[in-house]
C-alpha atoms as a PDB file:
ATOM      1  CA  MET A   1     -76.122 -55.485 136.972  1.00  0.00           C
ATOM      2  CA  LYS A   2     -77.357 -52.398 135.305  1.00  0.00           C
ATOM      3  CA  ARG A   3     -73.357 -51.186 134.567  1.00  0.00           C
ATOM      4  CA  ASP A   4     -72.768 -54.265 132.893  1.00  0.00           C
ATOM      5  CA  PHE A   5     -76.270 -53.949 130.989  1.00  0.00           C
ATOM      6  CA  ALA A   6     -74.873 -50.672 129.450  1.00  0.00           C
ATOM      7  CA  ASP A   7     -71.638 -51.927 129.414  1.00  0.00           C
ATOM      8  CA  PHE A   8     -73.155 -54.621 126.831  1.00  0.00           C
ATOM      9  CA  TRP A   9     -75.305 -52.612 124.662  1.00  0.00           C
ATOM     10  CA  ASN A  10     -72.569 -49.945 124.377  1.00  0.00           C
ATOM     11  CA  LEU A  11     -70.510 -52.503 122.794  1.00  0.00           C
ATOM     12  CA  MET A  12     -73.296 -53.612 120.802  1.00  0.00           C
ATOM     13  CA  TRP A  13     -73.749 -50.530 119.580  1.00  0.00           C
ATOM     14  CA  GLU A  14     -69.945 -49.960 118.490  1.00  0.00           C
ATOM     15  CA  LEU A  15     -69.502 -52.970 117.064  1.00  0.00           C
ATOM     16  CA  ALA A  16     -73.167 -51.699 114.817  1.00  0.00           C
ATOM     17  CA  LEU A  17     -71.081 -48.668 113.597  1.00  0.00           C
ATOM     18  CA  GLY A  18     -67.799 -50.912 113.205  1.00  0.00           C
ATOM     19  CA  VAL A  19     -70.041 -53.114 110.512  1.00  0.00           C
ATOM     20  CA  CYS A  20     -71.843 -49.991 108.887  1.00  0.00           C
ATOM     21  CA  ALA A  21     -68.780 -48.211 108.602  1.00  0.00           C
ATOM     22  CA  ALA A  22     -67.121 -51.394 106.783  1.00  0.00           C
ATOM     23  CA  PHE A  23     -69.765 -51.639 104.632  1.00  0.00           C
ATOM     24  CA  ALA A  24     -69.650 -48.199 103.628  1.00  0.00           C
ATOM     25  CA  LEU A  25     -66.130 -47.944 102.423  1.00  0.00           C
ATOM     26  CA  LEU A  26     -66.696 -51.687 100.772  1.00  0.00           C
ATOM     27  CA  ASN A  27     -69.517 -49.973  99.262  1.00  0.00           C
ATOM     28  CA  ALA A  28     -67.416 -47.435  98.356  1.00  0.00           C
ATOM     29  CA  PHE A  29     -64.342 -48.779  97.377  1.00  0.00           C
ATOM     30  CA  ALA A  30     -64.416 -52.402  96.415  1.00  0.00           C
ATOM     31  CA  PRO A  31     -65.143 -53.213  92.429  1.00  0.00           C
ATOM     32  CA  PRO A  32     -68.489 -52.835  91.913  1.00  0.00           C
ATOM     33  CA  GLN A  33     -68.635 -55.930  89.314  1.00  0.00           C
ATOM     34  CA  ASP A  34     -67.071 -58.068  93.490  1.00  0.00           C
ATOM     35  CA  LEU A  35     -70.217 -56.718  94.547  1.00  0.00           C
ATOM     36  CA  PRO A  36     -73.485 -58.546  94.599  1.00  0.00           C
ATOM     37  CA  TRP A  37     -75.933 -55.599  95.114  1.00  0.00           C
ATOM     38  CA  LYS A  38     -74.564 -53.654  92.919  1.00  0.00           C
ATOM     39  CA  PRO A  39     -76.459 -53.947  89.429  1.00  0.00           C
ATOM     40  CA  LEU A  40     -74.573 -55.352  86.791  1.00  0.00           C
ATOM     41  CA  ASP A  41     -72.505 -53.636  83.715  1.00  0.00           C
ATOM     42  CA  LEU A  42     -71.457 -55.464  81.010  1.00  0.00           C
ATOM     43  CA  ASN A  43     -68.858 -53.250  80.754  1.00  0.00           C
ATOM     44  CA  HIS A  44     -67.042 -54.107  84.117  1.00  0.00           C
ATOM     45  CA  PRO A  45     -64.743 -57.225  84.228  1.00  0.00           C
ATOM     46  CA  VAL A  46     -65.777 -60.067  85.008  1.00  0.00           C
ATOM     47  CA  GLY A  47     -65.796 -60.243  88.928  1.00  0.00           C
ATOM     48  CA  GLN A  48     -66.477 -62.596  92.287  1.00  0.00           C
ATOM     49  CA  ALA A  49     -70.418 -61.556  91.875  1.00  0.00           C
ATOM     50  CA  THR A  50     -70.646 -61.576  87.703  1.00  0.00           C
ATOM     51  CA  GLY A  51     -71.799 -65.442  87.545  1.00  0.00           C
ATOM     52  CA  ALA A  52     -74.148 -64.843  90.513  1.00  0.00           C
ATOM     53  CA  LYS A  53     -76.332 -61.676  88.971  1.00  0.00           C
ATOM     54  CA  VAL A  54     -76.149 -63.501  85.794  1.00  0.00           C
ATOM     55  CA  ALA A  55     -77.859 -66.414  87.507  1.00  0.00           C
ATOM     56  CA  ASP A  56     -80.316 -63.892  88.584  1.00  0.00           C
ATOM     57  CA  PHE A  57     -81.529 -63.452  85.266  1.00  0.00           C
ATOM     58  CA  GLN A  58     -82.285 -67.460  85.425  1.00  0.00           C
ATOM     59  CA  VAL A  59     -85.546 -68.870  85.046  1.00  0.00           C
ATOM     60  CA  PRO A  60     -85.927 -72.869  86.561  1.00  0.00           C
ATOM     61  CA  PHE A  61     -87.532 -75.317  83.945  1.00  0.00           C
ATOM     62  CA  GLY A  62     -91.766 -75.029  83.650  1.00  0.00           C
ATOM     63  CA  ALA A  63     -91.641 -71.522  85.632  1.00  0.00           C
ATOM     64  CA  ALA A  64     -94.629 -69.595  85.265  1.00  0.00           C
ATOM     65  CA  PRO A  65     -95.234 -66.917  82.446  1.00  0.00           C
ATOM     66  CA  GLU A  66     -95.149 -64.085  84.750  1.00  0.00           C
ATOM     67  CA  GLU A  67     -91.745 -65.184  86.838  1.00  0.00           C
ATOM     68  CA  VAL A  68     -90.671 -65.905  83.215  1.00  0.00           C
ATOM     69  CA  ALA A  69     -91.592 -62.445  82.065  1.00  0.00           C
ATOM     70  CA  GLY A  70     -90.450 -60.242  84.997  1.00  0.00           C
ATOM     71  CA  ALA A  71     -86.489 -62.087  84.831  1.00  0.00           C
ATOM     72  CA  THR A  72     -86.669 -61.979  81.151  1.00  0.00           C
ATOM     73  CA  ASP A  73     -87.630 -58.274  80.751  1.00  0.00           C
ATOM     74  CA  ALA A  74     -85.149 -57.039  83.016  1.00  0.00           C
ATOM     75  CA  CYS A  75     -82.753 -59.038  81.532  1.00  0.00           C
ATOM     76  CA  ILE A  76     -83.223 -57.812  78.050  1.00  0.00           C
ATOM     77  CA  GLN A  77     -83.185 -54.190  79.848  1.00  0.00           C
ATOM     78  CA  THR A  78     -79.324 -55.141  80.761  1.00  0.00           C
ATOM     79  CA  LEU A  79     -78.568 -55.744  77.374  1.00  0.00           C
ATOM     80  CA  ARG A  80     -79.985 -52.773  76.405  1.00  0.00           C
ATOM     81  CA  ASP A  81     -78.447 -50.686  78.912  1.00  0.00           C
ATOM     82  CA  ALA A  82     -75.141 -52.454  77.408  1.00  0.00           C
ATOM     83  CA  GLY A  83     -76.214 -51.109  73.975  1.00  0.00           C
ATOM     84  CA  VAL A  84     -76.801 -54.340  72.772  1.00  0.00           C
ATOM     85  CA  GLU A  85     -80.130 -54.593  69.972  1.00  0.00           C
ATOM     86  CA  VAL A  86     -81.836 -57.008  71.514  1.00  0.00           C
ATOM     87  CA  ARG A  87     -85.477 -58.474  70.918  1.00  0.00           C
ATOM     88  CA  ARG A  88     -87.831 -60.668  72.893  1.00  0.00           C
ATOM     89  CA  ALA A  89     -88.107 -64.177  70.655  1.00  0.00           C
ATOM     90  CA  GLU A  90     -90.971 -66.361  70.789  1.00  0.00           C
ATOM     91  CA  ASP A  91     -90.787 -69.154  73.400  1.00  0.00           C
ATOM     92  CA  ARG A  92     -90.536 -72.530  71.751  1.00  0.00           C
ATOM     93  CA  ASN A  93     -92.276 -75.638  73.496  1.00  0.00           C
ATOM     94  CA  ASP A  94     -91.483 -79.024  71.547  1.00  0.00           C
ATOM     95  CA  GLY A  95     -92.371 -81.417  73.948  1.00  0.00           C
ATOM     96  CA  GLY A  96     -90.762 -83.184  77.230  1.00  0.00           C
ATOM     97  CA  PHE A  97     -87.482 -81.046  77.789  1.00  0.00           C
ATOM     98  CA  CYS A  98     -87.195 -79.627  75.025  1.00  0.00           C
ATOM     99  CA  GLN A  99     -88.464 -76.095  76.111  1.00  0.00           C
ATOM    100  CA  VAL A 100     -87.197 -72.481  75.687  1.00  0.00           C
ATOM    101  CA  GLN A 101     -87.966 -69.945  77.856  1.00  0.00           C
ATOM    102  CA  GLY A 102     -86.707 -66.253  78.417  1.00  0.00           C
ATOM    103  CA  ALA A 103     -86.078 -66.219  74.651  1.00  0.00           C
ATOM    104  CA  VAL A 104     -84.186 -63.919  73.136  1.00  0.00           C
ATOM    105  CA  THR A 105     -82.531 -62.735  69.867  1.00  0.00           C
ATOM    106  CA  ILE A 106     -79.577 -60.076  69.925  1.00  0.00           C
ATOM    107  CA  THR A 107     -79.871 -58.087  66.670  1.00  0.00           C
ATOM    108  CA  GLY A 108     -77.068 -55.480  66.572  1.00  0.00           C
ATOM    109  CA  GLY A 109     -75.472 -53.244  68.484  1.00  0.00           C
ATOM    110  CA  ALA A 110     -72.467 -53.010  70.641  1.00  0.00           C
ATOM    111  CA  VAL A 111     -71.889 -56.592  70.232  1.00  0.00           C
ATOM    112  CA  THR A 112     -69.350 -58.755  67.924  1.00  0.00           C
ATOM    113  CA  PRO A 113     -72.110 -60.612  65.567  1.00  0.00           C
ATOM    114  CA  LEU A 114     -73.079 -64.133  65.389  1.00  0.00           C
ATOM    115  CA  ARG A 115     -73.039 -65.962  62.044  1.00  0.00           C
ATOM    116  CA  PRO A 116     -75.418 -67.270  61.197  1.00  0.00           C
ATOM    117  CA  GLY A 117     -77.393 -64.525  63.363  1.00  0.00           C
ATOM    118  CA  GLY A 118     -81.016 -64.561  64.464  1.00  0.00           C
ATOM    119  CA  LEU A 119     -80.278 -67.406  66.995  1.00  0.00           C
ATOM    120  CA  ILE A 120     -82.898 -67.533  70.348  1.00  0.00           C
ATOM    121  CA  MET A 121     -80.955 -68.213  72.953  1.00  0.00           C
ATOM    122  CA  GLN A 122     -82.623 -67.880  76.786  1.00  0.00           C
ATOM    123  CA  CYS A 123     -81.788 -64.247  77.700  1.00  0.00           C
ATOM    124  CA  PRO A 124     -78.572 -65.511  80.145  1.00  0.00           C
ATOM    125  CA  LEU A 125     -77.220 -66.742  77.815  1.00  0.00           C
ATOM    126  CA  ALA A 126     -77.136 -63.766  75.702  1.00  0.00           C
ATOM    127  CA  VAL A 127     -76.028 -61.490  78.950  1.00  0.00           C
ATOM    128  CA  ARG A 128     -72.980 -64.110  79.619  1.00  0.00           C
ATOM    129  CA  TYR A 129     -72.135 -64.200  75.756  1.00  0.00           C
ATOM    130  CA  VAL A 130     -71.504 -60.014  75.385  1.00  0.00           C
ATOM    131  CA  ILE A 131     -69.203 -60.262  78.649  1.00  0.00           C
ATOM    132  CA  TRP A 132     -67.060 -62.661  76.844  1.00  0.00           C
ATOM    133  CA  ASP A 133     -66.822 -60.897  73.674  1.00  0.00           C
ATOM    134  CA  ARG A 134     -66.422 -57.506  76.069  1.00  0.00           C
ATOM    135  CA  GLN A 135     -63.727 -59.000  78.240  1.00  0.00           C
ATOM    136  CA  VAL A 136     -62.489 -61.689  76.772  1.00  0.00           C
ATOM    137  CA  LEU A 137     -62.849 -62.442  72.668  1.00  0.00           C
ATOM    138  CA  GLN A 138     -61.974 -58.481  71.549  1.00  0.00           C
ATOM    139  CA  PRO A 139     -58.697 -57.737  74.336  1.00  0.00           C
ATOM    140  CA  THR A 140     -57.213 -61.162  73.222  1.00  0.00           C
ATOM    141  CA  ALA A 141     -57.807 -60.689  69.272  1.00  0.00           C
ATOM    142  CA  GLU A 142     -55.957 -57.399  70.188  1.00  0.00           C
ATOM    143  CA  ALA A 143     -53.647 -58.627  72.010  1.00  0.00           C
ATOM    144  CA  ILE A 144     -52.608 -61.831  69.946  1.00  0.00           C
ATOM    145  CA  TYR A 145     -53.134 -60.241  66.484  1.00  0.00           C
ATOM    146  CA  GLY A 146     -54.220 -56.518  66.795  1.00  0.00           C
ATOM    147  CA  SER A 147     -57.182 -56.690  65.124  1.00  0.00           C
ATOM    148  CA  ARG A 148     -60.762 -56.998  66.302  1.00  0.00           C
ATOM    149  CA  ALA A 149     -63.138 -59.911  65.930  1.00  0.00           C
ATOM    150  CA  VAL A 150     -65.675 -59.266  63.225  1.00  0.00           C
ATOM    151  CA  ALA A 151     -68.031 -62.342  63.779  1.00  0.00           C
ATOM    152  CA  VAL A 152     -68.329 -65.838  65.666  1.00  0.00           C
ATOM    153  CA  ASN A 153     -69.096 -68.209  63.501  1.00  0.00           C
ATOM    154  CA  ASN A 154     -71.530 -70.437  65.204  1.00  0.00           C
ATOM    155  CA  PHE A 155     -73.017 -74.163  64.835  1.00  0.00           C
ATOM    156  CA  GLY A 156     -76.103 -72.367  66.730  1.00  0.00           C
ATOM    157  CA  THR A 157     -77.895 -72.498  70.457  1.00  0.00           C
ATOM    158  CA  TYR A 158     -81.034 -74.474  69.935  1.00  0.00           C
ATOM    159  CA  SER A 159     -81.370 -78.156  69.215  1.00  0.00           C
ATOM    160  CA  CYS A 160     -84.023 -80.714  70.728  1.00  0.00           C
ATOM    161  CA  ARG A 161     -81.641 -83.225  71.670  1.00  0.00           C
ATOM    162  CA  ARG A 162     -80.130 -85.327  74.697  1.00  0.00           C
ATOM    163  CA  ILE A 163     -76.147 -84.808  75.470  1.00  0.00           C
ATOM    164  CA  TYR A 164     -74.198 -86.179  71.454  1.00  0.00           C
ATOM    165  CA  GLY A 165     -77.545 -86.597  69.979  1.00  0.00           C
ATOM    166  CA  SER A 166     -77.850 -90.045  72.473  1.00  0.00           C
ATOM    167  CA  GLN A 167     -81.038 -91.842  72.122  1.00  0.00           C
ATOM    168  CA  ASP A 168     -80.530 -93.380  75.311  1.00  0.00           C
ATOM    169  CA  VAL A 169     -83.636 -91.894  78.175  1.00  0.00           C
ATOM    170  CA  GLN A 170     -80.832 -92.368  80.925  1.00  0.00           C
ATOM    171  CA  ASP A 171     -78.421 -89.376  79.361  1.00  0.00           C
ATOM    172  CA  ARG A 172     -79.375 -85.823  80.568  1.00  0.00           C
ATOM    173  CA  PRO A 173     -81.049 -83.128  78.118  1.00  0.00           C
ATOM    174  CA  SER A 174     -78.279 -81.362  76.198  1.00  0.00           C
ATOM    175  CA  GLU A 175     -78.661 -77.559  76.991  1.00  0.00           C
ATOM    176  CA  HIS A 176     -79.091 -77.134  73.478  1.00  0.00           C
ATOM    177  CA  ALA A 177     -82.451 -78.327  74.430  1.00  0.00           C
ATOM    178  CA  ARG A 178     -83.447 -75.092  76.301  1.00  0.00           C
ATOM    179  CA  ALA A 179     -81.210 -72.874  73.980  1.00  0.00           C
ATOM    180  CA  ASN A 180     -78.800 -72.213  76.903  1.00  0.00           C
ATOM    181  CA  ALA A 181     -76.075 -73.414  75.163  1.00  0.00           C
ATOM    182  CA  LEU A 182     -73.238 -71.733  72.339  1.00  0.00           C
ATOM    183  CA  ASP A 183     -71.078 -73.844  69.836  1.00  0.00           C
ATOM    184  CA  VAL A 184     -68.389 -71.302  68.753  1.00  0.00           C
ATOM    185  CA  ALA A 185     -66.670 -73.286  65.778  1.00  0.00           C
ATOM    186  CA  SER A 186     -64.340 -69.821  64.807  1.00  0.00           C
ATOM    187  CA  VAL A 187     -63.817 -66.077  64.743  1.00  0.00           C
ATOM    188  CA  THR A 188     -63.039 -64.034  62.284  1.00  0.00           C
ATOM    189  CA  LEU A 189     -61.409 -60.988  62.461  1.00  0.00           C
ATOM    190  CA  GLU A 190     -60.902 -57.476  61.105  1.00  0.00           C
ATOM    191  CA  ASP A 191     -57.768 -58.569  59.111  1.00  0.00           C
ATOM    192  CA  GLY A 192     -59.926 -60.832  57.005  1.00  0.00           C
ATOM    193  CA  ARG A 193     -58.376 -64.008  58.886  1.00  0.00           C
ATOM    194  CA  THR A 194     -60.641 -67.076  60.501  1.00  0.00           C
ATOM    195  CA  VAL A 195     -59.418 -68.385  63.134  1.00  0.00           C
ATOM    196  CA  SER A 196     -60.970 -72.066  63.568  1.00  0.00           C
ATOM    197  CA  VAL A 197     -61.526 -74.895  66.128  1.00  0.00           C
ATOM    198  CA  LEU A 198     -61.329 -77.674  63.834  1.00  0.00           C
ATOM    199  CA  GLU A 199     -58.181 -76.736  62.356  1.00  0.00           C
ATOM    200  CA  ASP A 200     -56.037 -74.554  64.916  1.00  0.00           C
ATOM    201  CA  TRP A 201     -56.916 -76.094  68.110  1.00  0.00           C
ATOM    202  CA  SER A 202     -53.920 -78.239  67.936  1.00  0.00           C
ATOM    203  CA  GLY A 203     -51.481 -75.665  66.321  1.00  0.00           C
ATOM    204  CA  GLN A 204     -50.818 -76.982  63.455  1.00  0.00           C
ATOM    205  CA  GLY A 205     -53.144 -75.537  61.350  1.00  0.00           C
ATOM    206  CA  PRO A 206     -53.058 -72.260  59.081  1.00  0.00           C
ATOM    207  CA  ASN A 207     -52.443 -70.053  61.963  1.00  0.00           C
ATOM    208  CA  GLY A 208     -50.143 -72.292  63.979  1.00  0.00           C
ATOM    209  CA  THR A 209     -49.422 -72.521  67.350  1.00  0.00           C
ATOM    210  CA  GLU A 210     -50.284 -68.528  67.224  1.00  0.00           C
ATOM    211  CA  GLY A 211     -53.881 -69.777  66.661  1.00  0.00           C
ATOM    212  CA  SER A 212     -53.927 -72.338  69.131  1.00  0.00           C
ATOM    213  CA  GLY A 213     -52.711 -70.137  71.771  1.00  0.00           C
ATOM    214  CA  PHE A 214     -55.867 -67.670  70.597  1.00  0.00           C
ATOM    215  CA  LEU A 215     -58.306 -70.201  71.248  1.00  0.00           C
ATOM    216  CA  ARG A 216     -57.157 -71.857  74.510  1.00  0.00           C
ATOM    217  CA  ARG A 217     -57.259 -68.265  75.750  1.00  0.00           C
ATOM    218  CA  LEU A 218     -60.627 -67.951  74.798  1.00  0.00           C
ATOM    219  CA  ARG A 219     -61.644 -70.882  76.363  1.00  0.00           C
ATOM    220  CA  ASP A 220     -59.817 -69.969  79.383  1.00  0.00           C
ATOM    221  CA  GLY A 221     -61.621 -66.728  79.389  1.00  0.00           C
ATOM    222  CA  ALA A 222     -65.048 -68.616  78.679  1.00  0.00           C
ATOM    223  CA  CYS A 223     -64.452 -70.400  82.039  1.00  0.00           C
ATOM    224  CA  ARG A 224     -64.753 -67.252  83.921  1.00  0.00           C
ATOM    225  CA  VAL A 225     -68.328 -66.119  82.408  1.00  0.00           C
ATOM    226  CA  PHE A 226     -69.834 -69.448  81.295  1.00  0.00           C
ATOM    227  CA  SER A 227     -71.188 -72.594  83.573  1.00  0.00           C
ATOM    228  CA  THR A 228     -70.055 -75.345  81.244  1.00  0.00           C
ATOM    229  CA  VAL A 229     -66.943 -74.884  78.451  1.00  0.00           C
ATOM    230  CA  LEU A 230     -66.076 -78.290  76.569  1.00  0.00           C
ATOM    231  CA  THR A 231     -63.445 -78.156  73.504  1.00  0.00           C
ATOM    232  CA  PRO A 232     -61.593 -80.701  71.439  1.00  0.00           C
ATOM    233  CA  ASP A 233     -59.801 -81.711  74.420  1.00  0.00           C
ATOM    234  CA  TYR A 234     -62.658 -83.106  75.775  1.00  0.00           C
ATOM    235  CA  ASN A 235     -64.439 -85.911  73.562  1.00  0.00           C
ATOM    236  CA  GLU A 236     -64.152 -86.244  69.645  1.00  0.00           C
ATOM    237  CA  ALA A 237     -67.953 -84.564  69.311  1.00  0.00           C
ATOM    238  CA  HIS A 238     -66.278 -81.259  70.156  1.00  0.00           C
ATOM    239  CA  ARG A 239     -63.361 -81.708  67.952  1.00  0.00           C
ATOM    240  CA  ASP A 240     -64.556 -78.652  65.692  1.00  0.00           C
ATOM    241  CA  HIS A 241     -66.432 -76.185  68.293  1.00  0.00           C
ATOM    242  CA  LEU A 242     -66.259 -74.421  72.055  1.00  0.00           C
ATOM    243  CA  HIS A 243     -69.243 -75.587  73.879  1.00  0.00           C
ATOM    244  CA  LEU A 244     -70.217 -72.452  76.091  1.00  0.00           C
ATOM    245  CA  ASP A 245     -73.490 -72.860  77.775  1.00  0.00           C
ATOM    246  CA  GLY A 246     -75.153 -71.862  81.740  1.00  0.00           C
ATOM    247  CA  ALA A 247     -76.105 -74.896  83.358  1.00  0.00           C
ATOM    248  CA  PRO A 248     -76.368 -74.932  86.636  1.00  0.00           C
ATOM    249  CA  ARG A 249     -73.470 -77.541  87.180  1.00  0.00           C
ATOM    250  CA  GLY A 250     -69.820 -76.382  86.185  1.00  0.00           C
ATOM    251  CA  LEU A 251     -67.567 -77.953  84.077  1.00  0.00           C
ATOM    252  CA  CYS A 252     -64.712 -76.153  82.417  1.00  0.00           C
ATOM    253  CA  VAL A 253     -62.139 -78.571  80.179  1.00  0.00           C
ATOM    254  CA  THR A 254     -58.738 -77.080  80.109  1.00  0.00           C
ATOM    255  CA  GLY A 255     -56.802 -80.759  78.643  1.00  0.00           C
ATOM    256  CA  PRO A 256     -57.036 -83.751  77.763  1.00  0.00           C
ATOM    257  CA  ARG A 257     -59.455 -86.298  79.268  1.00  0.00           C
ATOM    258  CA  ALA A 258     -57.556 -88.896  82.092  1.00  0.00           C
END
């Protein structure tokens, strides 16, 4: 009986050592973007744990001020560590579901400028934008056009409304009502050309099939960074922009709706 007990504990000890060794190897050699306990680095490729790390900065609707401050301060520090200039913006409360908590504004630094600038957005959305810029937009622009992107032209982030501007109280609030969505209209490249969602999505615009392919690659990459990605294929309301948001739910539209 005593021997059986000793054998059991020896086995548990060996298993524990094995687990510790496996963890050490994983910690040393696995890509940090795939490990949830490693800090988020905006220069790393999008990994298995990237989404969860960004979500750690998210605050629930109506969260206490101290919870908002803690998460937002950590989020801002992550952006600044990546060379992005960002300032804390004034939170906004227009009543009902139209409330922005943890608001920030990207003011410059190592990021493609948003035009118009000065947008307020939830800090996790700013993080998602920087990741998309570095890991999707710039590499795609270089690969297809051999030119860097110099501006992301947009229709804004905040709008106090329900989805599609609906007046039906049964319809859910838009993520724009919390400044948790960005509408991308076009991208301006260093060589002077502009690739527009409205004109180039179909492949019949001034940039031809190359422009369409560029926008679709931006869409595909965005689906790995943002929760919801809506395109002209989704409905008429999105004919002229890519809707990118950080909603808890996820929807990536990669083709026409059935």
